[in-house]
Amino acid sequence: MVPLGDGRWATSDINDLYKRVINRTDRVGLLMQLKTPAVIMVNESTLLQESIDTLFANEAIPRPIINDEGKALRSISGELEQNLKGFFEKRQDYSGTAVATYTQVLDNNHCALPANMLLKLYEPAVIHNLRANGDIHTMRQGRVWIEKLIADDKTNETKIRQALEIELKEHPVVVSYNGRATALYPSIHGGDSFAVNSQVAQNLALAFNGDKVSLYAPIRKEAVEEAKSMAGRYIKAEGNQVNSMFSRLSNEGSYNIAKRAITGEGLPLSKLDQILLR
């Protein structure tokens, strides 16, 4: 039942069908107490069974219960069928696309995304953190908060940002482009694009000519752990084979060499552990 705000309530078709079952059950119970003749009891029991049938499969019976518009009321089986249809038609993950841009500020395991995109990608996790902190009480309230912030209402921005940043530390995003994929830990930046450094761009074969990458935020614990195992590794799908293209060692070494070359610190390099990123 859903409150309409003016003292009225909107009910589903199942409520109406279930009410018929309750009424028939109460009537049969009353007739049994009155020791009604068996002929009448058989008739009432038949009507009770019919009401139960309509509750579970109103659309399938020869004479279904209809509403004011002449349409059959949706029963439990009809509701489940509709819900499953909607589930399989919709995306089962939280995903999006973004135009790729270049920055040398990030390391090889990180990317930068706009705050609004991160809020949509990590919406379930952000709402979970808000509820855990006692800031909200329902998922609907959390969605309203996020939608208002995206619409530039900064009333609850601090609490939402804190809930988001908690998730970003341990929740990588899977990046896919042209058959290649990896997992990167996202951070918030003020632009409208997906930003990575040159080494990550090279590994993903990005040309920065308006290329759009696909982003996937894993939700389940198992999926998050699998994404973490992809961090620093680049996967290329060839037919039915999945091959690791670049090692984490080479990625971190290339990044650290470039970083030291820019800053001038630690040169020349004489040992392997000087190359590895700490």
Protein backbone atom coordinates (compact mmCIF):
# COMPACT_ATOMS: atom_id res chain seq x y z
CA MET A 1 0.00 0.00 0.00
CA VAL A 2 1.25 3.46 -0.93
CA PRO A 3 0.07 6.66 0.84
CA LEU A 4 -1.17 9.32 -1.60
CA GLY A 5 -0.70 12.20 0.83
CA ASP A 6 -4.34 13.25 1.23
CA GLY A 7 -5.43 10.51 3.58
CA ARG A 8 -6.05 8.01 0.78
CA TRP A 9 -4.07 4.89 -0.02
CA ALA A 10 -3.27 3.27 -3.38
CA THR A 11 -3.41 -0.51 -3.34
CA SER A 12 -2.23 -3.08 -5.84
CA ASP A 13 -4.45 -5.60 -7.60
CA ILE A 14 -3.09 -8.32 -5.34
CA ASN A 15 -4.52 -6.53 -2.30
CA ASP A 16 -8.01 -6.62 -3.83
CA LEU A 17 -7.69 -10.31 -4.73
CA TYR A 18 -6.35 -11.16 -1.29
CA LYS A 19 -9.23 -9.29 0.33
CA ARG A 20 -11.64 -11.59 -1.51
CA VAL A 21 -9.84 -14.63 -0.08
CA ILE A 22 -10.07 -13.21 3.46
CA ASN A 23 -13.79 -12.47 3.10
CA ARG A 24 -14.51 -15.96 1.76
CA THR A 25 -12.42 -17.55 4.52
CA ASP A 26 -14.26 -15.59 7.22
CA ARG A 27 -17.60 -16.57 5.69
CA VAL A 28 -16.73 -20.28 5.62
CA GLY A 29 -15.54 -20.10 9.23
CA LEU A 30 -18.78 -18.43 10.33
CA LEU A 31 -20.94 -21.01 8.51
CA MET A 32 -18.99 -23.84 10.14
CA GLN A 33 -19.71 -22.34 13.57
CA LEU A 34 -23.41 -22.17 12.69
CA LYS A 35 -23.33 -25.85 11.60
CA THR A 36 -24.59 -24.98 8.14
CA PRO A 37 -25.83 -27.91 5.98
CA ALA A 38 -23.21 -29.70 3.91
CA VAL A 39 -24.72 -28.64 0.58
CA ILE A 40 -24.19 -24.96 1.40
CA MET A 41 -20.72 -25.66 2.81
CA VAL A 42 -19.65 -27.35 -0.41
CA ASN A 43 -20.82 -24.34 -2.42
CA GLU A 44 -19.04 -21.87 -0.13
CA SER A 45 -15.85 -23.96 -0.17
CA THR A 46 -15.94 -23.91 -3.97
CA LEU A 47 -16.23 -20.13 -3.96
CA LEU A 48 -13.29 -19.95 -1.52
CA GLN A 49 -11.19 -22.11 -3.81
CA GLU A 50 -12.06 -19.92 -6.77
CA SER A 51 -10.96 -16.81 -4.88
CA ILE A 52 -7.64 -18.52 -4.07
CA ASP A 53 -7.19 -19.41 -7.73
CA THR A 54 -7.74 -15.79 -8.76
CA LEU A 55 -5.16 -14.62 -6.19
CA PHE A 56 -2.45 -16.82 -7.71
CA ALA A 57 -3.41 -16.86 -11.40
CA ASN A 58 -6.28 -14.50 -12.16
CA GLU A 59 -5.15 -13.96 -15.76
CA ALA A 60 -5.26 -17.71 -16.54
CA ILE A 61 -8.77 -18.60 -15.34
CA PRO A 62 -11.77 -18.57 -17.77
CA ARG A 63 -13.63 -15.78 -15.95
CA PRO A 64 -11.04 -13.48 -14.31
CA ILE A 65 -11.83 -10.69 -11.87
CA ILE A 66 -11.69 -7.39 -13.77
CA ASN A 67 -11.29 -3.74 -12.80
CA ASP A 68 -13.36 -0.71 -13.81
CA GLU A 69 -11.56 -0.59 -17.17
CA GLY A 70 -12.47 -4.17 -17.98
CA LYS A 71 -8.91 -5.48 -17.56
CA ALA A 72 -8.07 -8.55 -15.48
CA LEU A 73 -6.56 -7.75 -12.08
CA ARG A 74 -2.89 -8.69 -11.91
CA SER A 75 -2.40 -11.72 -9.67
CA ILE A 76 0.73 -12.97 -7.90
CA SER A 77 1.92 -14.90 -10.96
CA GLY A 78 1.32 -11.88 -13.19
CA GLU A 79 3.21 -9.60 -10.80
CA LEU A 80 6.18 -11.97 -10.65
CA GLU A 81 6.22 -12.32 -14.42
CA GLN A 82 6.25 -8.54 -14.85
CA ASN A 83 9.00 -8.07 -12.26
CA LEU A 84 11.20 -10.73 -13.83
CA LYS A 85 10.63 -9.25 -17.29
CA GLY A 86 11.70 -5.85 -16.02
CA PHE A 87 14.74 -7.34 -14.29
CA PHE A 88 16.07 -9.00 -17.42
CA GLU A 89 15.34 -5.96 -19.60
CA LYS A 90 17.30 -3.62 -17.36
CA ARG A 91 21.05 -3.53 -16.77
CA GLN A 92 22.08 -5.80 -13.93
CA ASP A 93 25.13 -3.72 -13.04
CA TYR A 94 25.83 -0.04 -12.47
CA SER A 95 27.59 1.21 -15.55
CA GLY A 96 28.18 4.23 -17.73
CA THR A 97 30.34 5.72 -20.45
CA ALA A 98 32.69 8.71 -20.41
CA VAL A 99 35.03 10.53 -22.79
CA ALA A 100 38.67 9.84 -21.96
CA THR A 101 41.17 12.63 -21.26
CA TYR A 102 44.83 12.73 -20.22
CA THR A 103 46.51 13.77 -16.97
CA GLN A 104 49.91 12.93 -15.50
CA VAL A 105 48.86 13.61 -11.92
CA LEU A 106 47.43 10.09 -11.39
CA ASP A 107 49.37 6.87 -10.92
CA ASN A 108 48.81 3.64 -12.84
CA ASN A 109 46.17 2.27 -10.47
CA HIS A 110 43.91 5.32 -10.38
CA CYS A 111 41.56 7.29 -12.59
CA ALA A 112 39.52 10.44 -12.08
CA LEU A 113 35.80 10.83 -12.72
CA PRO A 114 33.19 13.56 -12.17
CA ALA A 115 31.43 13.44 -8.82
CA ASN A 116 27.97 13.10 -10.40
CA MET A 117 29.02 10.03 -12.40
CA LEU A 118 30.59 8.41 -9.35
CA LEU A 119 27.42 9.03 -7.36
CA LYS A 120 25.38 7.17 -9.98
CA LEU A 121 27.91 4.36 -10.36
CA TYR A 122 28.20 3.78 -6.63
CA GLU A 123 24.65 4.73 -5.68
CA PRO A 124 23.80 1.48 -3.79
CA ALA A 125 27.05 1.59 -1.82
CA VAL A 126 26.64 5.29 -0.98
CA ILE A 127 23.07 4.73 0.23
CA HIS A 128 24.27 1.76 2.31
CA ASN A 129 26.95 3.92 3.97
CA LEU A 130 24.45 6.72 4.65
CA ARG A 131 22.09 4.25 6.34
CA ALA A 132 24.96 2.72 8.32
CA ASN A 133 25.88 6.19 9.59
CA GLY A 134 22.26 6.85 10.59
CA ASP A 135 21.94 9.79 8.18
CA ILE A 136 18.96 8.27 6.34
CA HIS A 137 16.40 5.59 7.14
CA THR A 138 15.19 4.38 3.72
CA MET A 139 16.71 3.74 0.30
CA ARG A 140 14.22 6.15 -1.25
CA GLN A 141 15.46 8.93 1.02
CA GLY A 142 19.03 8.19 -0.07
CA ARG A 143 18.09 8.36 -3.75
CA VAL A 144 16.34 11.70 -3.18
CA TRP A 145 19.47 13.08 -1.48
CA ILE A 146 21.68 11.98 -4.37
CA GLU A 147 19.31 13.32 -7.02
CA LYS A 148 19.16 16.69 -5.25
CA LEU A 149 22.96 16.89 -5.06
CA ILE A 150 23.27 16.07 -8.76
CA ALA A 151 20.73 18.85 -9.39
CA ASP A 152 23.12 21.21 -7.50
CA ASP A 153 21.28 21.20 -4.17
CA LYS A 154 24.21 21.08 -1.73
CA THR A 155 22.16 20.66 1.46
CA ASN A 156 23.55 17.19 2.26
CA GLU A 157 26.71 17.37 0.15
CA THR A 158 29.16 16.80 3.02
CA LYS A 159 27.49 13.60 4.26
CA ILE A 160 27.10 12.21 0.74
CA ARG A 161 30.72 13.01 -0.19
CA GLN A 162 31.95 11.29 2.97
CA ALA A 163 29.88 8.19 2.20
CA LEU A 164 31.22 8.18 -1.38
CA GLU A 165 34.87 8.64 -0.42
CA ILE A 166 34.67 5.73 2.02
CA GLU A 167 33.58 3.49 -0.85
CA LEU A 168 36.14 4.74 -3.37
CA LYS A 169 39.06 3.66 -1.20
CA GLU A 170 38.23 -0.06 -1.44
CA HIS A 171 35.92 -0.25 -4.44
CA PRO A 172 37.63 -0.13 -7.88
CA VAL A 173 35.79 0.55 -11.11
CA VAL A 174 36.24 -1.76 -14.11
CA VAL A 175 37.26 0.14 -17.25
CA SER A 176 36.72 -1.39 -20.68
CA TYR A 177 37.67 -0.09 -24.12
CA ASN A 178 37.97 -1.84 -27.47
CA GLY A 179 38.20 -5.34 -25.99
CA ARG A 180 40.67 -4.37 -23.27
CA ALA A 181 39.85 -4.06 -19.60
CA THR A 182 41.38 -3.24 -16.25
CA ALA A 183 40.31 -2.08 -12.79
CA LEU A 184 41.21 1.35 -11.45
CA TYR A 185 40.54 3.10 -8.16
CA PRO A 186 38.57 6.25 -8.92
CA SER A 187 38.97 9.70 -7.43
CA ILE A 188 36.82 12.80 -7.82
CA HIS A 189 37.77 15.65 -10.12
CA GLY A 190 35.99 18.74 -11.32
CA GLY A 191 35.88 17.95 -15.03
CA ASP A 192 33.29 16.12 -17.09
CA SER A 193 35.51 13.31 -18.40
CA PHE A 194 37.33 10.11 -17.48
CA ALA A 195 40.99 10.97 -16.81
CA VAL A 196 44.01 8.62 -16.73
CA ASN A 197 47.76 9.00 -17.14
CA SER A 198 49.65 8.24 -20.35
CA GLN A 199 50.71 4.72 -19.34
CA VAL A 200 47.15 3.59 -18.62
CA ALA A 201 45.98 5.24 -21.83
CA GLN A 202 48.63 3.38 -23.82
CA ASN A 203 47.70 0.06 -22.24
CA LEU A 204 44.05 0.62 -23.11
CA ALA A 205 44.99 1.89 -26.60
CA LEU A 206 43.22 5.23 -26.06
CA ALA A 207 43.82 7.86 -28.72
CA PHE A 208 42.15 10.82 -26.91
CA ASN A 209 40.15 11.72 -29.99
CA GLY A 210 36.78 11.57 -28.28
CA ASP A 211 37.11 7.89 -27.33
CA LYS A 212 34.46 6.77 -24.87
CA VAL A 213 35.32 4.13 -22.28
CA SER A 214 32.81 1.86 -20.57
CA LEU A 215 32.75 1.89 -16.78
CA TYR A 216 31.32 -0.80 -14.52
CA ALA A 217 30.95 -0.63 -10.75
CA PRO A 218 30.81 -4.17 -9.27
CA ILE A 219 28.25 -4.50 -6.49
CA ARG A 220 28.54 -7.95 -4.91
CA LYS A 221 31.44 -8.70 -2.57
CA GLU A 222 32.77 -11.44 -4.89
CA ALA A 223 32.68 -9.07 -7.87
CA VAL A 224 34.53 -6.36 -5.92
CA GLU A 225 37.26 -8.84 -4.94
CA GLU A 226 37.61 -9.96 -8.56
CA ALA A 227 37.90 -6.33 -9.66
CA LYS A 228 40.63 -5.75 -7.07
CA SER A 229 42.57 -8.68 -8.51
CA MET A 230 42.46 -6.94 -11.92
CA ALA A 231 44.09 -3.76 -10.61
CA GLY A 232 47.44 -3.28 -12.34
CA ARG A 233 46.64 -5.94 -14.94
CA TYR A 234 45.30 -5.35 -18.45
CA ILE A 235 43.12 -7.99 -19.99
CA LYS A 236 42.54 -8.38 -23.72
CA ALA A 237 39.76 -10.59 -25.04
CA GLU A 238 40.63 -12.46 -28.23
CA GLY A 239 37.82 -14.74 -29.33
CA ASN A 240 37.12 -16.91 -26.30
CA GLN A 241 40.61 -16.41 -24.86
CA VAL A 242 41.51 -13.83 -22.23
CA ASN A 243 45.19 -12.88 -22.10
CA SER A 244 47.08 -10.65 -19.69
CA MET A 245 48.78 -7.96 -21.77
CA PHE A 246 50.91 -6.01 -19.35
CA SER A 247 52.39 -6.91 -15.99
CA ARG A 248 51.95 -4.79 -12.92
CA LEU A 249 55.72 -4.66 -12.51
CA SER A 250 56.25 -3.00 -15.90
CA ASN A 251 53.40 -0.54 -15.33
CA GLU A 252 54.64 0.57 -11.92
CA GLY A 253 58.22 0.72 -13.12
CA SER A 254 57.33 2.91 -16.11
CA TYR A 255 55.28 5.24 -13.93
CA ASN A 256 57.97 5.61 -11.29
CA ILE A 257 60.72 6.19 -13.84
CA ALA A 258 58.64 8.97 -15.42
CA LYS A 259 57.86 10.46 -12.03
CA ARG A 260 61.50 10.49 -10.94
CA ALA A 261 62.56 11.93 -14.29
CA ILE A 262 60.12 14.83 -13.86
CA THR A 263 61.06 15.57 -10.24
CA GLY A 264 64.78 14.76 -10.65
CA GLU A 265 64.77 12.74 -7.44
CA GLY A 266 66.55 9.42 -7.09
CA LEU A 267 68.42 9.47 -10.43
CA PRO A 268 70.27 7.53 -11.66
CA LEU A 269 68.52 4.26 -10.75
CA SER A 270 70.80 1.37 -9.95
CA LYS A 271 68.55 -1.21 -8.24
CA LEU A 272 65.27 -2.89 -9.16
CA ASP A 273 63.54 -1.91 -5.92
CA GLN A 274 64.21 1.74 -6.73
CA ILE A 275 61.94 1.38 -9.75
CA LEU A 276 59.04 -0.29 -7.95
CA LEU A 277 56.23 2.00 -6.86
CA ARG A 278 55.73 2.04 -3.08
